[in-house]
Amino acid sequence: MKTLLVELEKFLRWLSETTPEERRAQDSKIQEMAQILVAQIEPINDRLELEEDDETD
């Protein structure tokens, strides 16, 4: 999970430092990276939600 957070931070820092023109030029790269990050985060989020549900039952 630590690696995922590091990668997410690096991506968000890079994204925040790009200009609108650079973002348009890198649109496919941004979209691909976002999809990869979502695919990695989604199962973690699902597991955490299940743990929360178990705690409230």
N, C-alpha and C. Protein backbone atom coordinates (compact mmCIF):
# COMPACT_ATOMS: atom_id res chain seq x y z
N MET A 1 0.83 -1.19 0.00
CA MET A 1 0.00 0.00 0.00
C MET A 1 0.88 1.26 0.00
N LYS A 2 2.01 1.18 0.67
CA LYS A 2 2.92 2.33 0.71
C LYS A 2 3.37 2.70 -0.70
N THR A 3 3.70 1.69 -1.51
CA THR A 3 4.14 1.94 -2.88
C THR A 3 3.03 2.63 -3.68
N LEU A 4 1.82 2.18 -3.49
CA LEU A 4 0.68 2.78 -4.18
C LEU A 4 0.53 4.25 -3.79
N LEU A 5 0.64 4.55 -2.52
CA LEU A 5 0.52 5.94 -2.07
C LEU A 5 1.64 6.81 -2.63
N VAL A 6 2.83 6.25 -2.71
CA VAL A 6 3.97 6.99 -3.28
C VAL A 6 3.70 7.30 -4.74
N GLU A 7 3.24 6.29 -5.48
CA GLU A 7 2.94 6.48 -6.90
C GLU A 7 1.81 7.48 -7.10
N LEU A 8 0.81 7.41 -6.26
CA LEU A 8 -0.30 8.36 -6.34
C LEU A 8 0.17 9.78 -6.07
N GLU A 9 1.01 9.94 -5.07
CA GLU A 9 1.55 11.26 -4.76
C GLU A 9 2.39 11.80 -5.92
N LYS A 10 3.24 10.96 -6.48
CA LYS A 10 4.08 11.39 -7.61
C LYS A 10 3.22 11.83 -8.79
N PHE A 11 2.19 11.03 -9.09
CA PHE A 11 1.30 11.36 -10.20
C PHE A 11 0.58 12.68 -9.95
N LEU A 12 0.05 12.86 -8.76
CA LEU A 12 -0.67 14.10 -8.46
C LEU A 12 0.25 15.32 -8.45
N ARG A 13 1.46 15.15 -7.96
CA ARG A 13 2.43 16.26 -8.00
C ARG A 13 2.75 16.63 -9.45
N TRP A 14 3.04 15.60 -10.26
CA TRP A 14 3.33 15.84 -11.68
C TRP A 14 2.16 16.53 -12.34
N LEU A 15 0.96 16.05 -12.09
CA LEU A 15 -0.24 16.61 -12.70
C LEU A 15 -0.44 18.07 -12.27
N SER A 16 -0.21 18.36 -11.02
CA SER A 16 -0.42 19.72 -10.53
C SER A 16 0.62 20.71 -11.07
N GLU A 17 1.77 20.18 -11.49
CA GLU A 17 2.83 21.05 -12.01
C GLU A 17 2.76 21.25 -13.52
N THR A 18 1.86 20.54 -14.19
CA THR A 18 1.76 20.69 -15.64
C THR A 18 0.85 21.85 -15.99
N THR A 19 1.12 22.46 -17.10
CA THR A 19 0.28 23.55 -17.60
C THR A 19 -0.92 22.94 -18.32
N PRO A 20 -1.96 23.72 -18.55
CA PRO A 20 -3.10 23.20 -19.32
C PRO A 20 -2.68 22.65 -20.69
N GLU A 21 -1.74 23.31 -21.33
CA GLU A 21 -1.26 22.84 -22.63
C GLU A 21 -0.57 21.48 -22.51
N GLU A 22 0.25 21.34 -21.47
CA GLU A 22 0.94 20.07 -21.24
C GLU A 22 -0.06 18.96 -20.93
N ARG A 23 -1.09 19.29 -20.14
CA ARG A 23 -2.10 18.29 -19.82
C ARG A 23 -2.84 17.84 -21.07
N ARG A 24 -3.15 18.78 -21.96
CA ARG A 24 -3.81 18.40 -23.21
C ARG A 24 -2.90 17.50 -24.04
N ALA A 25 -1.62 17.83 -24.09
CA ALA A 25 -0.67 17.04 -24.87
C ALA A 25 -0.46 15.65 -24.26
N GLN A 26 -0.61 15.54 -22.95
CA GLN A 26 -0.37 14.28 -22.24
C GLN A 26 -1.68 13.59 -21.85
N ASP A 27 -2.77 13.97 -22.49
CA ASP A 27 -4.09 13.47 -22.10
C ASP A 27 -4.16 11.95 -22.04
N SER A 28 -3.64 11.25 -23.04
CA SER A 28 -3.73 9.79 -23.03
C SER A 28 -2.89 9.19 -21.90
N LYS A 29 -1.74 9.79 -21.61
CA LYS A 29 -0.90 9.32 -20.51
C LYS A 29 -1.61 9.53 -19.17
N ILE A 30 -2.23 10.67 -19.01
CA ILE A 30 -2.96 10.98 -17.78
C ILE A 30 -4.11 10.00 -17.59
N GLN A 31 -4.85 9.77 -18.65
CA GLN A 31 -5.98 8.85 -18.58
C GLN A 31 -5.52 7.44 -18.24
N GLU A 32 -4.45 6.99 -18.86
CA GLU A 32 -3.93 5.65 -18.60
C GLU A 32 -3.48 5.50 -17.15
N MET A 33 -2.75 6.49 -16.66
CA MET A 33 -2.26 6.43 -15.28
C MET A 33 -3.42 6.47 -14.29
N ALA A 34 -4.42 7.28 -14.57
CA ALA A 34 -5.58 7.36 -13.69
C ALA A 34 -6.29 6.00 -13.63
N GLN A 35 -6.43 5.35 -14.77
CA GLN A 35 -7.08 4.04 -14.81
C GLN A 35 -6.28 3.00 -14.04
N ILE A 36 -4.97 3.05 -14.16
CA ILE A 36 -4.11 2.11 -13.43
C ILE A 36 -4.26 2.33 -11.93
N LEU A 37 -4.24 3.58 -11.51
CA LEU A 37 -4.36 3.88 -10.08
C LEU A 37 -5.72 3.47 -9.54
N VAL A 38 -6.78 3.72 -10.29
CA VAL A 38 -8.12 3.31 -9.87
C VAL A 38 -8.19 1.79 -9.71
N ALA A 39 -7.62 1.08 -10.66
CA ALA A 39 -7.63 -0.38 -10.60
C ALA A 39 -6.90 -0.90 -9.36
N GLN A 40 -5.88 -0.18 -8.92
CA GLN A 40 -5.14 -0.59 -7.72
C GLN A 40 -5.84 -0.16 -6.45
N ILE A 41 -6.49 0.98 -6.47
CA ILE A 41 -7.14 1.52 -5.27
C ILE A 41 -8.49 0.85 -5.00
N GLU A 42 -9.21 0.51 -6.03
CA GLU A 42 -10.57 -0.02 -5.88
C GLU A 42 -10.65 -1.24 -4.97
N PRO A 43 -9.80 -2.27 -5.15
CA PRO A 43 -9.91 -3.42 -4.24
C PRO A 43 -9.58 -3.08 -2.79
N ILE A 44 -8.67 -2.15 -2.60
CA ILE A 44 -8.32 -1.73 -1.23
C ILE A 44 -9.51 -1.03 -0.60
N ASN A 45 -10.14 -0.15 -1.36
CA ASN A 45 -11.31 0.57 -0.87
C ASN A 45 -12.45 -0.40 -0.56
N ASP A 46 -12.68 -1.36 -1.43
CA ASP A 46 -13.73 -2.36 -1.21
C ASP A 46 -13.48 -3.13 0.08
N ARG A 47 -12.24 -3.54 0.29
CA ARG A 47 -11.89 -4.28 1.51
C ARG A 47 -12.11 -3.43 2.76
N LEU A 48 -11.72 -2.15 2.69
CA LEU A 48 -11.92 -1.27 3.83
C LEU A 48 -13.40 -1.07 4.13
N GLU A 49 -14.20 -0.96 3.09
CA GLU A 49 -15.64 -0.82 3.29
C GLU A 49 -16.23 -2.06 3.95
N LEU A 50 -15.77 -3.24 3.53
CA LEU A 50 -16.24 -4.47 4.15
C LEU A 50 -15.85 -4.54 5.62
N GLU A 51 -14.63 -4.11 5.92
CA GLU A 51 -14.17 -4.10 7.31
C GLU A 51 -15.01 -3.16 8.15
N GLU A 52 -15.37 -1.99 7.58
CA GLU A 52 -16.22 -1.04 8.29
C GLU A 52 -17.60 -1.62 8.54
N ASP A 53 -18.14 -2.32 7.54
CA ASP A 53 -19.45 -2.94 7.69
C ASP A 53 -19.43 -4.00 8.78
N ASP A 54 -18.35 -4.77 8.85
CA ASP A 54 -18.22 -5.80 9.88
C ASP A 54 -18.15 -5.19 11.27
N GLU A 55 -17.51 -4.03 11.37
CA GLU A 55 -17.37 -3.37 12.67
C GLU A 55 -18.70 -2.80 13.15
N THR A 56 -19.54 -2.38 12.22
CA THR A 56 -20.82 -1.77 12.63
C THR A 56 -21.92 -2.79 12.87
N ASP A 57 -21.69 -4.04 12.47
CA ASP A 57 -22.71 -5.09 12.69
C ASP A 57 -22.65 -5.63 14.08
